[in-house]
Amino acid sequence: MGFLPFFSFETWILLISFVFLFVLYGHWTFGVFKKLGIAGPKPVMYWGTVGRYNQVYYLDDNECAKKYGRVWGLYELRKPMLAVMDPEMLKTILVKECFTLFTNRRNFRLNGELYDAVNIAEDEQWRRIRNQVTPSFASGRIKEMFSIMQHHSHKLMVSLQSKVDNDEVITVKDTFGPYSMDVMVSCVFGVDLDSINKPANPFITHASKLFNFPLPLFFFQGFFPFFLPLLELLGLSFFPKSSTTFFRTVVEKIRAERNESSRKNLTDILQYFINSKSSKERENLGLNDHEIFSQVTMLLFAGYETSATTLVFLAYTLARNPEVMKRLQQEIDSTFPHKGPVQYDSLMQMEYLSSVVDECLRLYPPAARLERTAKETVKVKGITIPKNMVVMIPVYALHRDPELWPDPEEFKPDRFSKENKQSIDPYTYLPFGVGPRNCLGRRFAMALIKLALVKVLQNYSFLVCEETEIPLKMNPEGLVGPQRPIKLKLQKRSVSSADVEN
């Protein structure tokens, strides 16, 4: 009988009941897609379909798309999610029915201090905040901020000079990350951080933490979502409290230091929000103090990480495709002869530059997924989407669909040439999303990225070296990015004429 006598009959009943309920609960949600007639990978108890074909979630999406087509069901731990890559369905979900049925992104609830950031806010609160934030990225305001970008791009060039003279291998994120951070802090807060020359600063440390959710908390809330109200009550958040506290302190300090006369001459985004709040005609619509803090914090976080990562991948893809880089440098030299000052209007009209950036964002979209939540049960193109179901758009996989993008793994900027761009379905290319909840900082990010790229390529060429990892091993967490830092070399160009500070 072994150990059986050591347990009473009642204890055995309790143990068996616990195991039965534990197993039942772990499988409870897994029948949804079978009932709906939607194919997908087979889930594992509690774990769902996470990492079914690849531990990197967006590479896993790519494998699922190959196996199941453009619509499939998956389970993020115990949570059912419908993956949709069909362009016609995406048009309905992201645009046509955005204000009625698919207004909101998925709300993880454990948002801490950032619960009212524009990318998290819902329904009417989101509409009001979005309407207040959007004008801060109007083309006229971006032109005003372009001189700030020029100032930091010059400092970037100065910092690169010694590295090239010493024939150093550069860690690309350490080069473009400080530039991106300096531009964001200057444009959002009106502060010259100078992290290009002082890289060890808390802004970069805290900003880098935002998109790396603490895994134990992520798993716990996924396994036992009924504990979410308690977790919120305990103040637990996916966003590090130390980082949000740091930025709250920064915002409060900057506001306290500004007097009436200084505010009139400031054009940074923080001051724009403050002015909008105090304007009498917007008294009931403007952002309150907490909403101002949330918007500037999220803008800084998101703008820094996505822009820096895009510049890193641009450097990497150009180093691996020297013929593309040479053609781009020819366009740069003809647009700004003799390494002349980079002007905003000319920069934004450069066709091949736009094609190169667009193609890089196709291969490496910073946000690998978009999400919307169904407010009601609805049929879209014959497929039933139940109420409260999260619709997940696998952007990374969509951009590598071989039927939509021939030779999808190849870097071919001519896909986005003036002639070819006309034939691209807008719902097959979503690095910035589409519809009312698209990325509101798109034009700002493009100016920041294009300026840095042009300034560097006016003077240098990117080269692969022994330390360059080919192919890249991708990071399984957060935004699309390499697991290990990308390393390259810079080679000085022989084009005559000294660099000019813009």
Protein backbone atom coordinates (compact mmCIF):
# COMPACT_ATOMS: atom_id res chain seq x y z
CA MET A 1 0.00 0.00 0.00
CA GLY A 2 3.05 2.30 0.28
CA PHE A 3 2.19 5.75 1.57
CA LEU A 4 -1.61 5.41 1.27
CA PRO A 5 -2.19 4.71 5.02
CA PHE A 6 -0.62 8.05 5.93
CA PHE A 7 -3.55 9.94 4.37
CA SER A 8 -7.14 9.82 5.52
CA PHE A 9 -9.95 9.20 3.07
CA GLU A 10 -11.08 12.85 3.38
CA THR A 11 -7.55 14.07 2.60
CA TRP A 12 -7.42 11.93 -0.53
CA ILE A 13 -10.77 13.30 -1.69
CA LEU A 14 -9.50 16.85 -1.17
CA LEU A 15 -6.25 16.14 -3.05
CA ILE A 16 -8.02 14.47 -5.97
CA SER A 17 -10.58 17.30 -6.10
CA PHE A 18 -7.82 19.91 -6.09
CA VAL A 19 -5.92 18.18 -8.92
CA PHE A 20 -9.14 17.79 -10.92
CA LEU A 21 -10.09 21.47 -10.51
CA PHE A 22 -6.51 22.60 -11.20
CA VAL A 23 -6.42 20.65 -14.47
CA LEU A 24 -9.97 21.68 -15.43
CA TYR A 25 -9.22 25.37 -14.77
CA GLY A 26 -6.01 25.13 -16.81
CA HIS A 27 -7.99 23.96 -19.85
CA TRP A 28 -11.24 25.87 -19.24
CA THR A 29 -10.90 28.51 -21.97
CA PHE A 30 -9.37 26.30 -24.64
CA GLY A 31 -12.54 25.28 -26.51
CA VAL A 32 -13.45 28.70 -27.87
CA PHE A 33 -11.92 28.48 -31.34
CA LYS A 34 -13.02 24.88 -31.91
CA LYS A 35 -16.63 26.02 -31.40
CA LEU A 36 -16.08 28.93 -33.79
CA GLY A 37 -14.50 26.66 -36.41
CA ILE A 38 -11.22 28.60 -36.38
CA ALA A 39 -7.94 26.71 -36.76
CA GLY A 40 -4.87 27.29 -34.65
CA PRO A 41 -2.08 25.63 -32.66
CA LYS A 42 -3.05 23.19 -29.95
CA PRO A 43 -2.84 24.79 -26.48
CA VAL A 44 -1.03 23.37 -23.48
CA MET A 45 -2.58 23.52 -19.98
CA TYR A 46 -2.18 27.04 -18.53
CA TRP A 47 0.56 27.86 -21.04
CA GLY A 48 -1.80 28.11 -24.00
CA THR A 49 -0.02 28.39 -27.35
CA VAL A 50 2.81 30.65 -26.17
CA GLY A 51 6.03 29.75 -27.98
CA ARG A 52 4.36 26.88 -29.84
CA TYR A 53 6.69 27.14 -32.86
CA ASN A 54 9.21 29.74 -31.74
CA GLN A 55 10.08 31.31 -28.38
CA VAL A 56 10.18 34.76 -30.02
CA TYR A 57 6.50 35.69 -30.11
CA TYR A 58 6.55 37.54 -33.44
CA LEU A 59 8.54 34.77 -35.13
CA ASP A 60 5.95 32.38 -33.71
CA ASP A 61 3.24 34.53 -35.35
CA ASN A 62 5.10 34.17 -38.65
CA GLU A 63 5.14 30.38 -38.35
CA CYS A 64 1.44 30.29 -37.45
CA ALA A 65 0.61 32.43 -40.50
CA LYS A 66 2.44 29.96 -42.73
CA LYS A 67 0.59 27.04 -41.17
CA TYR A 68 -2.93 28.39 -40.62
CA GLY A 69 -3.37 31.26 -43.08
CA ARG A 70 -4.44 34.83 -42.36
CA VAL A 71 -6.85 34.09 -39.51
CA TRP A 72 -6.18 31.75 -36.60
CA GLY A 73 -6.90 31.30 -32.92
CA LEU A 74 -4.22 31.41 -30.26
CA TYR A 75 -4.12 31.41 -26.48
CA GLU A 76 -1.87 33.78 -24.58
CA LEU A 77 -1.63 31.59 -21.49
CA ARG A 78 -5.37 31.08 -20.75
CA LYS A 79 -6.58 34.07 -22.80
CA PRO A 80 -8.09 33.38 -26.23
CA MET A 81 -7.04 35.86 -28.94
CA LEU A 82 -8.01 35.98 -32.59
CA ALA A 83 -5.10 36.67 -34.96
CA VAL A 84 -6.18 38.53 -38.10
CA MET A 85 -4.00 39.29 -41.14
CA ASP A 86 -6.76 39.52 -43.75
CA PRO A 87 -6.62 43.07 -45.24
CA GLU A 88 -10.40 43.31 -45.75
CA MET A 89 -11.06 42.33 -42.13
CA LEU A 90 -8.38 44.75 -40.92
CA LYS A 91 -10.07 47.61 -42.74
CA THR A 92 -13.30 46.87 -40.87
CA ILE A 93 -11.64 46.39 -37.49
CA LEU A 94 -9.16 49.26 -37.57
CA VAL A 95 -11.15 51.88 -39.52
CA LYS A 96 -14.79 51.22 -40.40
CA GLU A 97 -15.89 49.95 -36.98
CA CYS A 98 -13.21 51.62 -34.85
CA PHE A 99 -15.57 54.10 -33.17
CA THR A 100 -18.38 51.58 -32.74
CA LEU A 101 -17.06 48.08 -32.04
CA PHE A 102 -13.26 48.16 -31.92
CA THR A 103 -12.44 51.45 -30.20
CA ASN A 104 -10.14 50.16 -27.50
CA ARG A 105 -6.85 48.39 -27.33
CA ARG A 106 -6.45 45.54 -24.87
CA ASN A 107 -6.34 46.88 -21.33
CA PHE A 108 -3.96 44.91 -19.11
CA ARG A 109 -5.33 46.95 -16.16
CA LEU A 110 -2.03 46.91 -14.29
CA ASN A 111 -1.07 50.27 -15.80
CA GLY A 112 -0.02 52.01 -12.60
CA GLU A 113 0.48 55.76 -12.99
CA LEU A 114 0.05 55.60 -16.76
CA TYR A 115 -3.59 54.48 -16.73
CA ASP A 116 -4.69 57.58 -18.67
CA ALA A 117 -1.93 57.68 -21.32
CA VAL A 118 -3.39 58.14 -24.80
CA ASN A 119 -2.45 54.64 -25.94
CA ILE A 120 -4.16 53.07 -22.90
CA ALA A 121 -7.21 55.33 -22.35
CA GLU A 122 -10.59 54.09 -23.57
CA ASP A 123 -13.74 55.36 -25.28
CA GLU A 124 -14.64 59.00 -24.58
CA GLN A 125 -11.60 59.64 -22.41
CA TRP A 126 -9.37 58.42 -25.24
CA ARG A 127 -11.15 60.62 -27.81
CA ARG A 128 -10.79 63.72 -25.64
CA ILE A 129 -7.10 63.07 -24.86
CA ARG A 130 -6.31 62.17 -28.48
CA ASN A 131 -7.92 65.42 -29.68
CA GLN A 132 -5.74 67.38 -27.24
CA VAL A 133 -2.49 65.56 -28.06
CA THR A 134 -2.78 65.41 -31.88
CA PRO A 135 -2.16 69.15 -32.57
CA SER A 136 1.19 68.96 -30.78
CA PHE A 137 2.44 66.87 -33.74
CA ALA A 138 1.04 69.05 -36.53
CA SER A 139 3.46 69.67 -39.41
CA GLY A 140 3.95 73.31 -38.38
CA ARG A 141 5.03 72.31 -34.89
CA ILE A 142 7.37 69.61 -36.23
CA LYS A 143 9.04 72.26 -38.38
CA GLU A 144 9.51 74.36 -35.24
CA MET A 145 11.09 71.40 -33.46
CA PHE A 146 13.31 70.51 -36.43
CA SER A 147 15.96 73.03 -35.39
CA ILE A 148 16.23 71.13 -32.08
CA MET A 149 16.74 67.89 -34.02
CA GLN A 150 19.43 69.60 -36.13
CA HIS A 151 21.28 70.72 -32.99
CA HIS A 152 21.41 67.16 -31.65
CA SER A 153 22.28 65.65 -35.03
CA HIS A 154 25.38 67.87 -35.12
CA LYS A 155 26.41 66.65 -31.65
CA LEU A 156 25.90 63.10 -32.90
CA MET A 157 28.33 63.76 -35.75
CA VAL A 158 30.94 65.23 -33.40
CA SER A 159 30.69 62.18 -31.14
CA LEU A 160 31.25 59.83 -34.07
CA GLN A 161 34.43 61.56 -35.24
CA SER A 162 36.74 60.10 -32.58
CA LYS A 163 35.29 56.60 -33.01
CA VAL A 164 36.02 56.68 -36.73
CA ASP A 165 39.51 58.15 -36.23
CA ASN A 166 40.30 55.32 -33.82
CA ASP A 167 38.78 52.69 -36.15
CA GLU A 168 36.45 51.59 -33.34
CA VAL A 169 33.66 49.06 -33.63
CA ILE A 170 30.49 50.88 -32.60
CA THR A 171 27.53 49.50 -30.69
CA VAL A 172 24.81 51.05 -32.84
CA LYS A 173 22.17 51.44 -30.10
CA ASP A 174 24.73 53.27 -27.94
CA THR A 175 25.21 55.69 -30.83
CA PHE A 176 21.63 56.40 -31.89
CA GLY A 177 19.96 55.84 -28.51
CA PRO A 178 21.41 58.99 -26.88
CA TYR A 179 20.58 61.06 -29.98
CA SER A 180 16.98 59.83 -29.91
CA MET A 181 16.73 60.49 -26.18
CA ASP A 182 18.20 64.00 -26.47
CA VAL A 183 15.72 64.92 -29.21
CA MET A 184 12.78 63.53 -27.24
CA VAL A 185 13.73 65.23 -23.95
CA SER A 186 14.35 68.57 -25.70
CA CYS A 187 11.10 68.47 -27.67
CA VAL A 188 8.94 67.12 -24.83
CA PHE A 189 10.47 68.92 -21.82
CA GLY A 190 12.52 71.74 -23.33
CA VAL A 191 15.67 70.42 -21.60
CA ASP A 192 19.05 69.79 -23.27
CA LEU A 193 20.03 66.50 -21.67
CA ASP A 194 23.25 66.01 -23.69
CA SER A 195 23.20 62.24 -23.23
CA ILE A 196 25.29 61.97 -26.41
CA ASN A 197 28.22 63.22 -24.35
CA LYS A 198 26.93 61.95 -20.99
CA PRO A 199 25.42 58.53 -21.76
CA ALA A 200 25.16 57.40 -18.13
CA ASN A 201 21.99 59.27 -17.23
CA PRO A 202 18.77 58.06 -15.59
CA PHE A 203 16.54 59.11 -18.50
CA ILE A 204 17.88 56.33 -20.74
CA THR A 205 17.95 53.83 -17.87
CA HIS A 206 14.29 54.42 -16.99
CA ALA A 207 13.07 54.73 -20.60
CA SER A 208 14.65 51.40 -21.51
CA LYS A 209 12.59 49.60 -18.86
CA LEU A 210 9.13 50.52 -20.13
CA PHE A 211 8.45 47.77 -22.64
CA ASN A 212 9.97 44.93 -20.64
CA PHE A 213 7.04 43.69 -18.58
CA PRO A 214 8.05 41.80 -15.41
CA LEU A 215 7.49 38.19 -16.44
CA PRO A 216 6.37 36.78 -13.04
CA LEU A 217 3.59 39.39 -12.87
CA PHE A 218 2.65 38.81 -16.51
CA PHE A 219 2.35 35.05 -15.96
CA PHE A 220 0.45 35.37 -12.68
CA GLN A 221 -2.21 37.72 -14.07
CA GLY A 222 -2.49 35.48 -17.15
CA PHE A 223 -2.99 32.33 -15.11
CA PHE A 224 -5.27 33.89 -12.50
CA PRO A 225 -6.98 37.01 -13.94
CA PHE A 226 -9.53 37.05 -11.11
CA PHE A 227 -6.72 38.38 -8.90
CA LEU A 228 -6.39 41.56 -11.03
CA PRO A 229 -8.50 43.79 -8.71
CA LEU A 230 -6.32 42.72 -5.76
CA LEU A 231 -3.11 43.28 -7.73
CA GLU A 232 -4.32 46.77 -8.66
CA LEU A 233 -5.22 47.46 -5.04
CA LEU A 234 -1.70 46.44 -4.03
CA GLY A 235 -0.32 48.98 -6.53
CA LEU A 236 1.38 46.42 -8.78
CA SER A 237 2.05 47.59 -12.33
CA PHE A 238 3.68 46.40 -15.55
CA PHE A 239 5.40 49.80 -15.72
CA PRO A 240 8.21 50.09 -13.15
CA LYS A 241 7.13 52.35 -10.30
CA SER A 242 10.66 53.70 -9.91
CA SER A 243 10.60 54.90 -13.53
CA THR A 244 7.16 56.53 -13.43
CA THR A 245 8.08 58.19 -10.12
CA PHE A 246 11.28 59.51 -11.68
CA PHE A 247 9.41 61.12 -14.57
CA ARG A 248 6.68 62.50 -12.34
CA THR A 249 9.40 64.23 -10.30
CA VAL A 250 10.97 65.59 -13.50
CA VAL A 251 7.65 67.01 -14.75
CA GLU A 252 6.87 68.61 -11.39
CA LYS A 253 10.36 70.13 -11.14
CA ILE A 254 10.24 71.58 -14.65
CA ARG A 255 6.79 73.08 -14.08
CA ALA A 256 7.87 74.59 -10.77
CA GLU A 257 10.93 76.24 -12.33
CA ARG A 258 9.00 77.97 -15.10
CA ASN A 259 7.72 81.46 -14.47
CA GLU A 260 5.10 83.37 -16.45
CA SER A 261 7.61 85.15 -18.72
CA SER A 262 9.59 82.04 -19.61
CA ARG A 263 6.48 80.06 -20.51
CA LYS A 264 5.52 82.45 -23.31
CA ASN A 265 8.68 81.68 -25.28
CA LEU A 266 8.65 77.89 -24.88
CA THR A 267 7.47 75.57 -27.65
CA ASP A 268 8.04 72.17 -26.05
CA ILE A 269 5.18 69.66 -25.86
CA LEU A 270 4.87 69.86 -22.07
CA GLN A 271 4.30 73.62 -22.24
CA TYR A 272 1.83 73.16 -25.10
CA PHE A 273 -0.26 70.85 -22.90
CA ILE A 274 -0.03 73.27 -19.96
CA ASN A 275 -1.16 76.18 -22.14
CA SER A 276 -4.05 74.12 -23.51
CA LYS A 277 -5.14 73.26 -19.98
CA SER A 278 -5.16 76.88 -18.84
CA SER A 279 -6.97 78.18 -21.92
CA LYS A 280 -10.48 79.21 -20.86
CA GLU A 281 -12.22 78.00 -24.01
CA ARG A 282 -10.83 74.51 -23.35
CA GLU A 283 -11.44 74.57 -19.64
CA ASN A 284 -13.59 71.45 -19.66
CA LEU A 285 -11.71 69.66 -22.45
CA GLY A 286 -8.03 70.27 -21.74
CA LEU A 287 -5.77 67.74 -20.07
CA ASN A 288 -5.68 67.71 -16.28
CA ASP A 289 -2.36 67.61 -14.42
CA HIS A 290 -2.22 63.82 -14.18
CA GLU A 291 -3.12 63.39 -17.85
CA ILE A 292 -0.35 65.82 -18.81
CA PHE A 293 2.16 63.77 -16.82
CA SER A 294 0.96 60.51 -18.43
CA GLN A 295 1.11 61.85 -22.00
CA VAL A 296 4.61 63.34 -21.79
CA THR A 297 5.96 60.26 -20.01
CA MET A 298 4.51 57.83 -22.57
CA LEU A 299 5.56 60.03 -25.50
CA LEU A 300 9.11 60.09 -24.18
CA PHE A 301 9.21 56.34 -23.54
CA ALA A 302 7.65 55.30 -26.86
CA GLY A 303 9.38 57.93 -29.00
CA TYR A 304 12.84 57.12 -27.67
CA GLU A 305 12.70 53.35 -27.96
CA THR A 306 10.96 53.06 -31.35
CA SER A 307 13.08 55.75 -33.07
CA ALA A 308 16.37 54.43 -31.70
CA THR A 309 15.50 50.85 -32.68
CA THR A 310 14.53 51.90 -36.21
CA LEU A 311 17.85 53.73 -36.66
CA VAL A 312 19.70 50.65 -35.43
CA PHE A 313 17.99 48.42 -38.00
CA LEU A 314 18.53 51.00 -40.75
CA ALA A 315 22.27 51.00 -40.05
CA TYR A 316 22.31 47.19 -40.00
CA THR A 317 20.35 46.70 -43.23
CA LEU A 318 22.38 49.35 -45.09
CA ALA A 319 25.66 47.80 -43.94
CA ARG A 320 24.44 44.48 -45.33
CA ASN A 321 23.20 46.08 -48.56
CA PRO A 322 26.01 48.44 -49.67
CA GLU A 323 24.49 48.96 -53.14
CA VAL A 324 21.35 50.40 -51.51
CA MET A 325 23.47 52.59 -49.23
CA LYS A 326 25.48 53.91 -52.19
CA ARG A 327 22.33 54.82 -54.09
CA LEU A 328 20.91 56.55 -51.02
CA GLN A 329 24.15 58.51 -50.55
CA GLN A 330 23.89 59.66 -54.16
CA GLU A 331 20.42 61.02 -53.48
CA ILE A 332 21.68 62.70 -50.30
CA ASP A 333 24.61 64.31 -52.13
CA SER A 334 22.37 65.62 -54.90
CA THR A 335 19.77 66.97 -52.45
CA PHE A 336 22.31 68.58 -50.11
CA PRO A 337 25.46 69.21 -52.18
CA HIS A 338 28.84 69.52 -50.47
CA LYS A 339 27.45 68.16 -47.20
CA GLY A 340 25.25 71.22 -47.00
CA PRO A 341 22.71 71.94 -44.23
CA VAL A 342 19.77 69.54 -44.14
CA GLN A 343 16.52 71.43 -44.67
CA TYR A 344 13.20 70.00 -43.46
CA ASP A 345 11.15 70.32 -46.66
CA SER A 346 13.88 68.87 -48.89
CA LEU A 347 14.49 66.04 -46.41
CA MET A 348 10.85 65.01 -46.33
CA GLN A 349 10.62 65.04 -50.14
CA MET A 350 13.52 62.63 -50.69
CA GLU A 351 11.94 59.66 -52.49
CA TYR A 352 14.61 56.99 -52.16
CA LEU A 353 15.25 57.87 -48.51
CA SER A 354 11.54 57.34 -47.83
CA SER A 355 11.65 54.01 -49.69
CA VAL A 356 14.63 52.82 -47.62
CA VAL A 357 13.01 53.78 -44.30
CA ASP A 358 9.65 52.27 -45.30
CA GLU A 359 11.27 48.99 -46.35
CA CYS A 360 13.25 48.80 -43.10
CA LEU A 361 10.01 49.33 -41.15
CA ARG A 362 8.42 46.53 -43.17
CA LEU A 363 11.16 44.10 -42.17
CA TYR A 364 11.47 45.37 -38.59
CA PRO A 365 8.29 47.13 -37.41
CA PRO A 366 9.00 48.22 -33.80
CA ALA A 367 5.54 47.10 -32.65
CA ALA A 368 5.21 43.48 -33.78
CA ARG A 369 1.52 43.37 -32.87
CA LEU A 370 -1.52 45.64 -32.72
CA GLU A 371 -4.57 44.81 -30.62
CA ARG A 372 -8.24 45.76 -30.45
CA THR A 373 -11.02 44.46 -28.21
CA ALA A 374 -14.52 43.68 -29.52
CA LYS A 375 -17.24 45.58 -27.61
CA GLU A 376 -19.99 43.27 -28.90
CA THR A 377 -20.22 39.94 -30.68
CA VAL A 378 -19.87 40.69 -34.38
CA LYS A 379 -19.35 38.90 -37.69
CA VAL A 380 -16.56 40.21 -39.89
CA LYS A 381 -16.24 38.60 -43.33
CA GLY A 382 -18.16 35.56 -42.08
CA ILE A 383 -16.02 35.07 -38.97
CA THR A 384 -17.68 35.46 -35.57
CA ILE A 385 -15.74 37.58 -33.08
CA PRO A 386 -17.23 37.17 -29.58
CA LYS A 387 -17.75 40.10 -27.22
CA ASN A 388 -14.57 41.01 -25.27
CA MET A 389 -12.40 38.94 -27.61
CA VAL A 390 -8.98 40.47 -28.22
CA VAL A 391 -8.21 40.77 -31.93
CA MET A 392 -4.46 40.61 -32.44
CA ILE A 393 -2.95 41.94 -35.68
CA PRO A 394 0.46 40.25 -36.18
CA VAL A 395 2.18 43.13 -37.98
CA TYR A 396 5.56 41.42 -38.19
CA ALA A 397 4.01 38.35 -39.87
CA LEU A 398 1.74 40.49 -42.08
CA HIS A 399 4.82 42.30 -43.42
CA ARG A 400 6.39 38.97 -44.36
CA ASP A 401 3.40 37.38 -46.10
CA PRO A 402 4.92 36.06 -49.38
CA GLU A 403 1.64 36.56 -51.27
CA LEU A 404 1.63 40.24 -50.37
CA TRP A 405 5.40 40.82 -50.40
CA PRO A 406 7.41 38.69 -52.90
CA ASP A 407 10.77 37.63 -51.43
CA PRO A 408 9.61 38.93 -48.02
CA GLU A 409 12.94 38.36 -46.25
CA GLU A 410 14.84 40.47 -48.78
CA PHE A 411 15.58 44.18 -48.25
CA LYS A 412 14.17 45.82 -51.40
CA PRO A 413 13.43 49.55 -51.02
CA ASP A 414 12.03 49.75 -54.57
CA ARG A 415 8.87 48.10 -53.26
CA PHE A 416 8.07 51.59 -51.98
CA SER A 417 9.12 53.58 -55.04
CA LYS A 418 6.73 56.25 -56.27
CA GLU A 419 5.47 53.89 -59.00
CA ASN A 420 5.12 50.76 -56.85
CA LYS A 421 3.75 52.41 -53.70
CA GLN A 422 0.43 53.12 -55.43
CA SER A 423 -0.32 49.40 -55.67
CA ILE A 424 0.31 48.61 -51.98
CA ASP A 425 -2.86 47.88 -50.03
CA PRO A 426 -2.68 50.21 -46.97
CA TYR A 427 -3.96 47.37 -44.76
CA THR A 428 -0.95 45.19 -45.55
CA TYR A 429 1.63 47.68 -44.23
CA LEU A 430 1.09 48.79 -40.64
CA PRO A 431 4.30 49.92 -38.88
CA PHE A 432 2.37 52.89 -37.46
CA GLY A 433 -1.04 51.24 -37.39
CA VAL A 434 -3.93 52.74 -39.34
CA GLY A 435 -7.22 54.46 -38.58
CA PRO A 436 -8.23 56.67 -35.64
CA ARG A 437 -5.85 54.92 -33.21
CA ASN A 438 -2.78 55.04 -35.42
CA CYS A 439 0.56 56.38 -34.16
CA LEU A 440 0.11 60.13 -33.72
CA GLY A 441 3.88 60.77 -33.66
CA ARG A 442 4.56 59.26 -37.09
CA ARG A 443 5.68 62.48 -38.85
CA PHE A 444 7.77 63.53 -35.86
CA ALA A 445 9.51 60.14 -35.76
CA MET A 446 10.16 60.20 -39.50
CA ALA A 447 11.83 63.62 -39.26
CA LEU A 448 14.00 62.52 -36.32
CA ILE A 449 15.04 59.26 -38.05
CA LYS A 450 15.63 60.66 -41.54
CA LEU A 451 17.69 63.59 -40.28
CA ALA A 452 20.07 61.38 -38.29
CA LEU A 453 20.45 58.92 -41.15
CA VAL A 454 21.17 61.64 -43.71
CA LYS A 455 23.70 63.40 -41.45
CA VAL A 456 25.62 60.19 -40.83
CA LEU A 457 25.56 59.07 -44.47
CA GLN A 458 26.73 62.48 -45.67
CA ASN A 459 30.01 61.73 -43.90
CA TYR A 460 30.27 57.98 -43.32
CA SER A 461 29.31 54.55 -44.62
CA PHE A 462 28.19 51.64 -42.45
CA LEU A 463 30.25 48.45 -42.68
CA VAL A 464 29.76 44.96 -41.32
CA CYS A 465 32.68 43.61 -39.29
CA GLU A 466 33.69 40.46 -37.44
CA GLU A 467 31.55 41.47 -34.48
CA THR A 468 28.39 41.90 -36.62
CA GLU A 469 25.92 39.10 -35.94
CA ILE A 470 24.48 37.62 -39.16
CA PRO A 471 21.75 36.48 -39.02
CA LEU A 472 20.39 38.27 -35.99
CA LYS A 473 19.04 36.40 -33.02
CA MET A 474 15.88 38.26 -32.05
CA ASN A 475 14.81 39.32 -28.57
CA PRO A 476 11.74 37.36 -27.34
CA GLU A 477 10.52 40.22 -25.11
CA GLY A 478 9.21 43.73 -25.71
CA LEU A 479 9.46 45.48 -29.06
CA VAL A 480 11.06 43.96 -32.16
CA GLY A 481 14.79 44.03 -31.57
CA PRO A 482 17.99 41.99 -31.52
CA GLN A 483 18.82 39.90 -28.46
CA ARG A 484 22.40 41.13 -28.51
CA PRO A 485 23.54 44.65 -29.46
CA ILE A 486 24.28 45.17 -33.16
CA LYS A 487 27.89 46.15 -33.83
CA LEU A 488 29.21 47.80 -36.99
CA LYS A 489 32.06 49.94 -38.25
CA LEU A 490 31.92 53.38 -39.82
CA GLN A 491 34.08 54.32 -42.79
CA LYS A 492 34.74 57.94 -43.62
CA ARG A 493 33.51 59.01 -47.03
CA SER A 494 35.86 60.69 -49.46
CA VAL A 495 33.34 63.37 -50.49
CA SER A 496 35.03 66.76 -50.14
CA SER A 497 33.91 69.73 -48.04
CA ALA A 498 33.76 69.97 -44.29
CA ASP A 499 30.65 69.21 -42.33
CA VAL A 500 28.50 72.16 -41.44
CA GLU A 501 26.59 72.46 -38.20
CA ASN A 502 22.89 72.68 -38.88
